[in-house]
Amino acid sequence: EEQLVESGGGSAQAGGSLRLTCEASGFTSENYVIGWFRQVPGKLREAVLCIGTSDDDRYLADSVKGRFSFVSDKSKNKNTVILQMDNLKPEDTAMYYCVAEYGDITTAQNMCIKRALGMNYWGQGTQVTVSA
């Protein structure tokens, strides 16, 4: 059974750092895309990071470029995606979700464009709160 387990998050002051980890397991093939999205109540969900199956199929939101970085360690049976968030801003405050979908259903670019709409596999979410 496909599973996404998130960890990390919490509270930080502006300029500080937090790290989010998503551990994906149970996928029946390596052909799946994975991403981080964030949601603030009353606002549209925002794509932060989408990772496809090739090294050049990766998208990081303009709003976090230069501040957020990531590491993806993928094997046949599991994938760990770490989102390192530095120089945090109050506008980074949101619930962050790890999302995945098989690659025959979507691409990383499409996942980001659709803001994860229609994707089938979601983590439980982790709150990030940045104070000024």
Foldseek 3Di string as FASTA:
>chain_A
DWAKAKDKADEEAQQAKIKMKIKIFDDQFQQKKKFKWWDDPPDDIATAKIDGDDPVQIDGDPVQPPFWDWDWDDDGGMIMIMIIGGSDDQVVWGWMKMFMAGNVVHGRVRCRVVSNPPGDYIYPTHTHGYHD
